[in-house]
PDB file of all heavy atoms in Angstrom:
ATOM      1  N   GLU A   1       0.829  -1.219  -0.057  1.00  0.00           N
ATOM      2  CA  GLU A   1      -0.046  -0.042   0.036  1.00  0.00           C
ATOM      3  C   GLU A   1       0.820   1.231  -0.040  1.00  0.00           C
ATOM      4  O   GLU A   1       0.455   2.241  -0.635  1.00  0.00           O
ATOM      5  CB  GLU A   1      -0.860  -0.043   1.264  1.00  0.00           C
ATOM      6  CG  GLU A   1      -1.920  -1.136   1.217  1.00  0.00           C
ATOM      7  CD  GLU A   1      -2.992  -1.026   0.200  1.00  0.00           C
ATOM      8  OE1 GLU A   1      -3.126   0.140  -0.350  1.00  0.00           O
ATOM      9  OE2 GLU A   1      -3.593  -1.995  -0.266  1.00  0.00           O
ATOM     10  N   HIS A   2       2.008   1.289   0.698  1.00  0.00           N
ATOM     11  CA  HIS A   2       2.693   2.491   0.991  1.00  0.00           C
ATOM     12  C   HIS A   2       4.143   2.398   0.451  1.00  0.00           C
ATOM     13  O   HIS A   2       4.894   3.415   0.642  1.00  0.00           O
ATOM     14  CB  HIS A   2       2.658   2.925   2.350  1.00  0.00           C
ATOM     15  CG  HIS A   2       1.294   2.995   2.913  1.00  0.00           C
ATOM     16  ND1 HIS A   2       0.324   3.927   2.590  1.00  0.00           N
ATOM     17  CD2 HIS A   2       0.538   2.149   3.860  1.00  0.00           C
ATOM     18  CE1 HIS A   2      -0.839   3.785   3.111  1.00  0.00           C
ATOM     19  NE2 HIS A   2      -0.660   2.773   3.947  1.00  0.00           N
ATOM     20  N   GLY A   3       4.653   1.315   0.005  1.00  0.00           N
ATOM     21  CA  GLY A   3       6.060   1.115  -0.282  1.00  0.00           C
ATOM     22  C   GLY A   3       6.971   1.005   0.885  1.00  0.00           C
ATOM     23  O   GLY A   3       6.452   0.880   1.990  1.00  0.00           O
ATOM     24  N   TYR A   4       8.242   1.049   0.516  1.00  0.00           N
ATOM     25  CA  TYR A   4       9.158   0.911   1.622  1.00  0.00           C
ATOM     26  C   TYR A   4       9.431   2.295   2.344  1.00  0.00           C
ATOM     27  O   TYR A   4       9.678   3.294   1.648  1.00  0.00           O
ATOM     28  CB  TYR A   4      10.527   0.421   1.130  1.00  0.00           C
ATOM     29  CG  TYR A   4      10.518  -1.046   0.807  1.00  0.00           C
ATOM     30  CD1 TYR A   4      10.382  -1.600  -0.396  1.00  0.00           C
ATOM     31  CD2 TYR A   4      10.769  -1.905   1.953  1.00  0.00           C
ATOM     32  CE1 TYR A   4      10.273  -2.923  -0.645  1.00  0.00           C
ATOM     33  CE2 TYR A   4      10.829  -3.406   1.605  1.00  0.00           C
ATOM     34  CZ  TYR A   4      10.585  -3.769   0.345  1.00  0.00           C
ATOM     35  OH  TYR A   4      10.582  -5.097   0.194  1.00  0.00           O
ATOM     36  N   GLN A   5       9.336   2.261   3.710  1.00  0.00           N
ATOM     37  CA  GLN A   5       9.552   3.442   4.427  1.00  0.00           C
ATOM     38  C   GLN A   5      10.342   3.047   5.580  1.00  0.00           C
ATOM     39  O   GLN A   5      10.277   1.875   6.244  1.00  0.00           O
ATOM     40  CB  GLN A   5       8.272   4.183   4.906  1.00  0.00           C
ATOM     41  CG  GLN A   5       7.425   4.674   3.609  1.00  0.00           C
ATOM     42  CD  GLN A   5       6.051   4.991   4.144  1.00  0.00           C
ATOM     43  OE1 GLN A   5       5.459   4.621   5.149  1.00  0.00           O
ATOM     44  NE2 GLN A   5       5.444   5.964   3.389  1.00  0.00           N
ATOM     45  N   PHE A   6      11.270   4.065   6.141  1.00  0.00           N
ATOM     46  CA  PHE A   6      12.031   3.795   7.314  1.00  0.00           C
ATOM     47  C   PHE A   6      11.650   4.882   8.371  1.00  0.00           C
ATOM     48  O   PHE A   6      12.031   6.055   8.100  1.00  0.00           O
ATOM     49  CB  PHE A   6      13.463   3.728   7.126  1.00  0.00           C
ATOM     50  CG  PHE A   6      14.297   3.626   8.223  1.00  0.00           C
ATOM     51  CD1 PHE A   6      14.439   2.291   8.829  1.00  0.00           C
ATOM     52  CD2 PHE A   6      14.937   4.711   8.915  1.00  0.00           C
ATOM     53  CE1 PHE A   6      15.236   2.166  10.062  1.00  0.00           C
ATOM     54  CE2 PHE A   6      15.704   4.509  10.028  1.00  0.00           C
ATOM     55  CZ  PHE A   6      15.910   3.264  10.536  1.00  0.00           C
ATOM     56  N   VAL A   7      11.161   4.517   9.508  1.00  0.00           N
ATOM     57  CA  VAL A   7      10.917   5.456  10.669  1.00  0.00           C
ATOM     58  C   VAL A   7      11.712   4.870  11.928  1.00  0.00           C
ATOM     59  O   VAL A   7      11.460   3.807  12.321  1.00  0.00           O
ATOM     60  CB  VAL A   7       9.360   5.535  10.902  1.00  0.00           C
ATOM     61  CG1 VAL A   7       9.212   6.507  12.115  1.00  0.00           C
ATOM     62  CG2 VAL A   7       8.670   5.982   9.650  1.00  0.00           C
ATOM     63  N   ASN A   8      12.625   5.707  12.266  1.00  0.00           N
ATOM     64  CA  ASN A   8      13.473   5.197  13.430  1.00  0.00           C
ATOM     65  C   ASN A   8      12.718   5.405  14.779  1.00  0.00           C
ATOM     66  O   ASN A   8      12.890   6.273  15.536  1.00  0.00           O
ATOM     67  CB  ASN A   8      14.699   6.060  13.549  1.00  0.00           C
ATOM     68  CG  ASN A   8      15.715   5.426  14.430  1.00  0.00           C
ATOM     69  OD1 ASN A   8      15.594   4.349  14.878  1.00  0.00           O
ATOM     70  ND2 ASN A   8      16.788   6.245  14.837  1.00  0.00           N
ATOM     71  N   ASP A   9      11.654   4.613  14.964  1.00  0.00           N
ATOM     72  CA  ASP A   9      10.824   4.578  16.079  1.00  0.00           C
ATOM     73  C   ASP A   9      10.909   3.488  17.024  1.00  0.00           C
ATOM     74  O   ASP A   9      10.218   3.382  18.033  1.00  0.00           O
ATOM     75  CB  ASP A   9       9.313   4.732  15.630  1.00  0.00           C
ATOM     76  CG  ASP A   9       8.926   3.529  14.766  1.00  0.00           C
ATOM     77  OD1 ASP A   9       9.743   2.681  14.520  1.00  0.00           O
ATOM     78  OD2 ASP A   9       7.793   3.496  14.263  1.00  0.00           O
ATOM     79  N   GLY A  10      11.980   2.718  16.807  1.00  0.00           N
ATOM     80  CA  GLY A  10      12.278   1.582  17.740  1.00  0.00           C
ATOM     81  C   GLY A  10      11.400   0.356  17.561  1.00  0.00           C
ATOM     82  O   GLY A  10      11.433  -0.551  18.196  1.00  0.00           O
ATOM     83  N   LYS A  11      10.547   0.376  16.550  1.00  0.00           N
ATOM     84  CA  LYS A  11       9.604  -0.653  16.240  1.00  0.00           C
ATOM     85  C   LYS A  11      10.033  -1.492  15.049  1.00  0.00           C
ATOM     86  O   LYS A  11      11.179  -1.303  14.605  1.00  0.00           O
ATOM     87  CB  LYS A  11       8.229  -0.169  15.918  1.00  0.00           C
ATOM     88  CG  LYS A  11       7.640   0.535  17.055  1.00  0.00           C
ATOM     89  CD  LYS A  11       6.185   1.155  16.798  1.00  0.00           C
ATOM     90  CE  LYS A  11       5.686   1.887  18.004  1.00  0.00           C
ATOM     91  NZ  LYS A  11       4.274   2.408  17.726  1.00  0.00           N
ATOM     92  N   GLY A  12       9.280  -2.400  14.475  1.00  0.00           N
ATOM     93  CA  GLY A  12       9.674  -3.078  13.278  1.00  0.00           C
ATOM     94  C   GLY A  12       9.839  -2.310  12.045  1.00  0.00           C
ATOM     95  O   GLY A  12       9.174  -1.256  11.879  1.00  0.00           O
ATOM     96  N   TYR A  13      10.766  -2.625  11.179  1.00  0.00           N
ATOM     97  CA  TYR A  13      11.173  -1.834  10.009  1.00  0.00           C
ATOM     98  C   TYR A  13      10.726  -2.696   8.775  1.00  0.00           C
ATOM     99  O   TYR A  13      11.134  -3.855   8.608  1.00  0.00           O
ATOM    100  CB  TYR A  13      12.613  -1.497  10.005  1.00  0.00           C
ATOM    101  CG  TYR A  13      13.159  -0.769  11.191  1.00  0.00           C
ATOM    102  CD1 TYR A  13      14.244  -1.255  11.897  1.00  0.00           C
ATOM    103  CD2 TYR A  13      12.380   0.304  11.714  1.00  0.00           C
ATOM    104  CE1 TYR A  13      14.673  -0.629  13.023  1.00  0.00           C
ATOM    105  CE2 TYR A  13      12.842   1.034  12.865  1.00  0.00           C
ATOM    106  CZ  TYR A  13      14.031   0.575  13.506  1.00  0.00           C
ATOM    107  OH  TYR A  13      14.319   1.176  14.663  1.00  0.00           O
ATOM    108  N   LYS A  14      10.071  -2.026   7.895  1.00  0.00           N
ATOM    109  CA  LYS A  14       9.670  -2.663   6.573  1.00  0.00           C
ATOM    110  C   LYS A  14      10.811  -2.980   5.730  1.00  0.00           C
ATOM    111  O   LYS A  14      10.813  -3.823   4.807  1.00  0.00           O
ATOM    112  CB  LYS A  14       8.702  -1.751   5.920  1.00  0.00           C
ATOM    113  CG  LYS A  14       7.397  -1.647   6.537  1.00  0.00           C
ATOM    114  CD  LYS A  14       6.353  -0.968   5.644  1.00  0.00           C
ATOM    115  CE  LYS A  14       6.707   0.556   5.510  1.00  0.00           C
ATOM    116  NZ  LYS A  14       5.664   1.210   4.823  1.00  0.00           N
ATOM    117  N   VAL A  15      11.911  -2.232   5.873  1.00  0.00           N
ATOM    118  CA  VAL A  15      13.049  -2.328   4.997  1.00  0.00           C
ATOM    119  C   VAL A  15      13.643  -3.717   5.194  1.00  0.00           C
ATOM    120  O   VAL A  15      14.606  -4.104   4.388  1.00  0.00           O
ATOM    121  CB  VAL A  15      14.142  -1.271   5.177  1.00  0.00           C
ATOM    122  CG1 VAL A  15      13.656   0.029   4.690  1.00  0.00           C
ATOM    123  CG2 VAL A  15      14.559  -1.221   6.677  1.00  0.00           C
ATOM    124  N   ALA A  16      13.429  -4.384   6.321  1.00  0.00           N
ATOM    125  CA  ALA A  16      13.919  -5.765   6.520  1.00  0.00           C
ATOM    126  C   ALA A  16      13.262  -6.768   5.703  1.00  0.00           C
ATOM    127  O   ALA A  16      13.842  -7.979   5.713  1.00  0.00           O
ATOM    128  CB  ALA A  16      13.760  -6.144   8.028  1.00  0.00           C
ATOM    129  N   PHE A  17      12.139  -6.522   4.859  1.00  0.00           N
ATOM    130  CA  PHE A  17      11.511  -7.488   4.173  1.00  0.00           C
ATOM    131  C   PHE A  17      11.731  -7.372   2.740  1.00  0.00           C
ATOM    132  O   PHE A  17      11.736  -6.334   2.145  1.00  0.00           O
ATOM    133  CB  PHE A  17       9.981  -7.339   4.486  1.00  0.00           C
ATOM    134  CG  PHE A  17       9.518  -7.552   5.864  1.00  0.00           C
ATOM    135  CD1 PHE A  17       9.582  -6.589   6.775  1.00  0.00           C
ATOM    136  CD2 PHE A  17       9.173  -8.838   6.303  1.00  0.00           C
ATOM    137  CE1 PHE A  17       9.228  -6.745   8.100  1.00  0.00           C
ATOM    138  CE2 PHE A  17       8.808  -9.079   7.665  1.00  0.00           C
ATOM    139  CZ  PHE A  17       8.905  -8.070   8.608  1.00  0.00           C
ATOM    140  N   PHE A  18      12.059  -8.549   2.105  1.00  0.00           N
ATOM    141  CA  PHE A  18      12.535  -8.587   0.678  1.00  0.00           C
ATOM    142  C   PHE A  18      11.313  -8.309  -0.265  1.00  0.00           C
ATOM    143  O   PHE A  18      10.231  -8.499   0.121  1.00  0.00           O
ATOM    144  CB  PHE A  18      13.201  -9.926   0.365  1.00  0.00           C
ATOM    145  CG  PHE A  18      14.564 -10.119   0.901  1.00  0.00           C
ATOM    146  CD1 PHE A  18      14.955  -9.628   2.220  1.00  0.00           C
ATOM    147  CD2 PHE A  18      15.507 -10.573   0.110  1.00  0.00           C
ATOM    148  CE1 PHE A  18      16.188  -9.687   2.635  1.00  0.00           C
ATOM    149  CE2 PHE A  18      16.887 -10.750   0.590  1.00  0.00           C
ATOM    150  CZ  PHE A  18      17.110 -10.278   1.928  1.00  0.00           C
ATOM    151  N   PRO A  19      11.572  -7.781  -1.447  1.00  0.00           N
ATOM    152  CA  PRO A  19      10.553  -7.195  -2.301  1.00  0.00           C
ATOM    153  C   PRO A  19       9.766  -8.242  -3.215  1.00  0.00           C
ATOM    154  O   PRO A  19       8.661  -7.721  -3.691  1.00  0.00           O
ATOM    155  CB  PRO A  19      11.372  -6.236  -3.242  1.00  0.00           C
ATOM    156  CG  PRO A  19      12.772  -6.948  -3.376  1.00  0.00           C
ATOM    157  CD  PRO A  19      12.965  -7.602  -2.073  1.00  0.00           C
ATOM    158  N   LEU A  20      10.152  -9.369  -3.450  1.00  0.00           N
ATOM    159  CA  LEU A  20       9.396 -10.135  -4.537  1.00  0.00           C
ATOM    160  C   LEU A  20       8.001 -10.480  -4.041  1.00  0.00           C
ATOM    161  O   LEU A  20       7.070 -10.154  -4.829  1.00  0.00           O
ATOM    162  CB  LEU A  20      10.200 -11.396  -4.722  1.00  0.00           C
ATOM    163  CG  LEU A  20       9.559 -12.317  -5.824  1.00  0.00           C
ATOM    164  CD1 LEU A  20       9.405 -11.618  -7.172  1.00  0.00           C
ATOM    165  CD2 LEU A  20      10.318 -13.593  -6.064  1.00  0.00           C
ATOM    166  N   TYR A  21       7.758 -10.927  -2.837  1.00  0.00           N
ATOM    167  CA  TYR A  21       6.458 -11.347  -2.389  1.00  0.00           C
ATOM    168  C   TYR A  21       5.493 -10.072  -2.416  1.00  0.00           C
ATOM    169  O   TYR A  21       4.392 -10.136  -2.989  1.00  0.00           O
ATOM    170  CB  TYR A  21       6.577 -11.890  -1.066  1.00  0.00           C
ATOM    171  CG  TYR A  21       5.351 -12.489  -0.551  1.00  0.00           C
ATOM    172  CD1 TYR A  21       4.500 -13.483  -1.277  1.00  0.00           C
ATOM    173  CD2 TYR A  21       4.655 -12.102   0.692  1.00  0.00           C
ATOM    174  CE1 TYR A  21       3.394 -13.996  -0.742  1.00  0.00           C
ATOM    175  CE2 TYR A  21       3.476 -12.582   1.187  1.00  0.00           C
ATOM    176  CZ  TYR A  21       2.814 -13.641   0.482  1.00  0.00           C
ATOM    177  OH  TYR A  21       1.741 -14.109   0.930  1.00  0.00           O
ATOM    178  N   PRO A  22       5.850  -8.901  -1.817  1.00  0.00           N
ATOM    179  CA  PRO A  22       4.918  -7.780  -1.870  1.00  0.00           C
ATOM    180  C   PRO A  22       4.759  -7.291  -3.372  1.00  0.00           C
ATOM    181  O   PRO A  22       3.676  -6.717  -3.632  1.00  0.00           O
ATOM    182  CB  PRO A  22       5.535  -6.641  -0.929  1.00  0.00           C
ATOM    183  CG  PRO A  22       6.954  -7.163  -0.820  1.00  0.00           C
ATOM    184  CD  PRO A  22       6.945  -8.670  -0.819  1.00  0.00           C
ATOM    185  N   THR A  23       5.761  -7.459  -4.214  1.00  0.00           N
ATOM    186  CA  THR A  23       5.687  -7.044  -5.542  1.00  0.00           C
ATOM    187  C   THR A  23       4.545  -7.823  -6.264  1.00  0.00           C
ATOM    188  O   THR A  23       3.720  -7.383  -7.032  1.00  0.00           O
ATOM    189  CB  THR A  23       6.929  -7.082  -6.353  1.00  0.00           C
ATOM    190  OG1 THR A  23       7.992  -6.386  -5.742  1.00  0.00           O
ATOM    191  CG2 THR A  23       6.737  -6.824  -7.839  1.00  0.00           C
ATOM    192  N   LEU A  24       4.533  -9.198  -6.022  1.00  0.00           N
ATOM    193  CA  LEU A  24       3.544 -10.029  -6.601  1.00  0.00           C
ATOM    194  C   LEU A  24       2.151  -9.738  -6.099  1.00  0.00           C
ATOM    195  O   LEU A  24       1.121  -9.756  -6.879  1.00  0.00           O
ATOM    196  CB  LEU A  24       3.857 -11.563  -6.262  1.00  0.00           C
ATOM    197  CG  LEU A  24       5.111 -12.003  -6.917  1.00  0.00           C
ATOM    198  CD1 LEU A  24       5.333 -13.530  -6.453  1.00  0.00           C
ATOM    199  CD2 LEU A  24       5.068 -12.011  -8.519  1.00  0.00           C
ATOM    200  N   ILE A  25       1.995  -9.402  -4.767  1.00  0.00           N
ATOM    201  CA  ILE A  25       0.652  -8.918  -4.307  1.00  0.00           C
ATOM    202  C   ILE A  25       0.341  -7.595  -4.886  1.00  0.00           C
ATOM    203  O   ILE A  25      -0.887  -7.410  -5.253  1.00  0.00           O
ATOM    204  CB  ILE A  25       0.844  -8.767  -2.751  1.00  0.00           C
ATOM    205  CG1 ILE A  25       1.079 -10.156  -2.053  1.00  0.00           C
ATOM    206  CG2 ILE A  25      -0.527  -8.263  -2.143  1.00  0.00           C
ATOM    207  CD1 ILE A  25       1.420 -10.105  -0.601  1.00  0.00           C
ATOM    208  N   TYR A  26       1.311  -6.761  -5.103  1.00  0.00           N
ATOM    209  CA  TYR A  26       0.923  -5.434  -5.761  1.00  0.00           C
ATOM    210  C   TYR A  26       0.430  -5.575  -7.208  1.00  0.00           C
ATOM    211  O   TYR A  26      -0.592  -5.012  -7.618  1.00  0.00           O
ATOM    212  CB  TYR A  26       2.213  -4.609  -5.703  1.00  0.00           C
ATOM    213  CG  TYR A  26       1.929  -3.183  -6.434  1.00  0.00           C
ATOM    214  CD1 TYR A  26       1.240  -2.180  -5.652  1.00  0.00           C
ATOM    215  CD2 TYR A  26       2.434  -2.876  -7.669  1.00  0.00           C
ATOM    216  CE1 TYR A  26       1.056  -0.888  -6.265  1.00  0.00           C
ATOM    217  CE2 TYR A  26       2.181  -1.687  -8.227  1.00  0.00           C
ATOM    218  CZ  TYR A  26       1.481  -0.702  -7.608  1.00  0.00           C
ATOM    219  OH  TYR A  26       1.300   0.542  -8.180  1.00  0.00           O
ATOM    220  N   LEU A  27       1.124  -6.535  -7.908  1.00  0.00           N
ATOM    221  CA  LEU A  27       0.635  -6.700  -9.286  1.00  0.00           C
ATOM    222  C   LEU A  27      -0.732  -7.399  -9.353  1.00  0.00           C
ATOM    223  O   LEU A  27      -1.506  -7.101 -10.270  1.00  0.00           O
ATOM    224  CB  LEU A  27       1.628  -7.664  -9.978  1.00  0.00           C
ATOM    225  CG  LEU A  27       3.064  -7.170 -10.270  1.00  0.00           C
ATOM    226  CD1 LEU A  27       3.959  -8.168 -10.833  1.00  0.00           C
ATOM    227  CD2 LEU A  27       3.000  -5.926 -11.159  1.00  0.00           C
ATOM    228  N   SER A  28      -0.912  -8.231  -8.328  1.00  0.00           N
ATOM    229  CA  SER A  28      -2.365  -8.750  -8.164  1.00  0.00           C
ATOM    230  C   SER A  28      -3.404  -7.729  -7.837  1.00  0.00           C
ATOM    231  O   SER A  28      -4.502  -7.770  -8.368  1.00  0.00           O
ATOM    232  CB  SER A  28      -2.335  -9.788  -7.113  1.00  0.00           C
ATOM    233  OG  SER A  28      -1.431 -10.942  -7.385  1.00  0.00           O
ATOM    234  N   LYS A  29      -2.955  -6.788  -7.082  1.00  0.00           N
ATOM    235  CA  LYS A  29      -3.819  -5.612  -6.731  1.00  0.00           C
ATOM    236  C   LYS A  29      -4.217  -4.774  -8.017  1.00  0.00           C
ATOM    237  O   LYS A  29      -5.468  -4.469  -8.163  1.00  0.00           O
ATOM    238  CB  LYS A  29      -3.151  -4.708  -5.628  1.00  0.00           C
ATOM    239  CG  LYS A  29      -3.994  -3.533  -5.262  1.00  0.00           C
ATOM    240  CD  LYS A  29      -3.150  -2.580  -4.386  1.00  0.00           C
ATOM    241  CE  LYS A  29      -3.966  -1.317  -4.075  1.00  0.00           C
ATOM    242  NZ  LYS A  29      -3.155  -0.381  -3.266  1.00  0.00           N
ATOM    243  N   ILE A  30      -3.242  -4.616  -8.822  1.00  0.00           N
ATOM    244  CA  ILE A  30      -3.381  -3.859 -10.057  1.00  0.00           C
ATOM    245  C   ILE A  30      -4.543  -4.637 -10.896  1.00  0.00           C
ATOM    246  O   ILE A  30      -5.309  -3.977 -11.556  1.00  0.00           O
ATOM    247  CB  ILE A  30      -2.187  -3.774 -10.819  1.00  0.00           C
ATOM    248  CG1 ILE A  30      -1.190  -2.789 -10.043  1.00  0.00           C
ATOM    249  CG2 ILE A  30      -2.356  -3.139 -12.197  1.00  0.00           C
ATOM    250  CD1 ILE A  30       0.129  -2.574 -10.771  1.00  0.00           C
ATOM    251  N   MET A  31      -4.490  -5.968 -10.855  1.00  0.00           N
ATOM    252  CA  MET A  31      -5.373  -6.787 -11.632  1.00  0.00           C
ATOM    253  C   MET A  31      -6.749  -6.863 -11.018  1.00  0.00           C
ATOM    254  O   MET A  31      -7.792  -7.418 -11.581  1.00  0.00           O
ATOM    255  CB  MET A  31      -4.832  -8.145 -11.770  1.00  0.00           C
ATOM    256  CG  MET A  31      -3.441  -8.231 -12.455  1.00  0.00           C
ATOM    257  SD  MET A  31      -2.699  -9.836 -12.480  1.00  0.00           S
ATOM    258  CE  MET A  31      -3.962 -10.895 -13.214  1.00  0.00           C
ATOM    259  N   GLY A  32      -6.920  -6.260  -9.907  1.00  0.00           N
ATOM    260  CA  GLY A  32      -8.262  -6.148  -9.194  1.00  0.00           C
ATOM    261  C   GLY A  32      -8.446  -7.018  -8.010  1.00  0.00           C
ATOM    262  O   GLY A  32      -9.598  -7.072  -7.429  1.00  0.00           O
ATOM    263  N   PHE A  33      -7.341  -7.685  -7.533  1.00  0.00           N
ATOM    264  CA  PHE A  33      -7.598  -8.548  -6.397  1.00  0.00           C
ATOM    265  C   PHE A  33      -7.311  -7.806  -5.131  1.00  0.00           C
ATOM    266  O   PHE A  33      -6.541  -6.836  -5.026  1.00  0.00           O
ATOM    267  CB  PHE A  33      -6.441  -9.734  -6.378  1.00  0.00           C
ATOM    268  CG  PHE A  33      -6.832 -10.799  -7.409  1.00  0.00           C
ATOM    269  CD1 PHE A  33      -6.306 -10.718  -8.655  1.00  0.00           C
ATOM    270  CD2 PHE A  33      -7.652 -11.848  -7.002  1.00  0.00           C
ATOM    271  CE1 PHE A  33      -6.502 -11.723  -9.633  1.00  0.00           C
ATOM    272  CE2 PHE A  33      -7.832 -12.828  -7.918  1.00  0.00           C
ATOM    273  CZ  PHE A  33      -7.278 -12.739  -9.175  1.00  0.00           C
ATOM    274  N   ASP A  34      -8.056  -8.148  -4.037  1.00  0.00           N
ATOM    275  CA  ASP A  34      -7.716  -7.635  -2.726  1.00  0.00           C
ATOM    276  C   ASP A  34      -6.429  -8.095  -2.301  1.00  0.00           C
ATOM    277  O   ASP A  34      -6.084  -9.278  -2.407  1.00  0.00           O
ATOM    278  CB  ASP A  34      -8.870  -7.960  -1.748  1.00  0.00           C
ATOM    279  CG  ASP A  34      -8.644  -7.477  -0.321  1.00  0.00           C
ATOM    280  OD1 ASP A  34      -7.790  -8.088   0.427  1.00  0.00           O
ATOM    281  OD2 ASP A  34      -9.274  -6.507  -0.006  1.00  0.00           O
TER     282      ASP A  34
END
């Protein structure tokens, strides 16, 4: 939904997650899937 962002708030960081899986979900979203 929002892409990769880094906020130094002491919580979990999205940059630790690799891109292929969310990319496939994003492409599915473009095709109309939730």
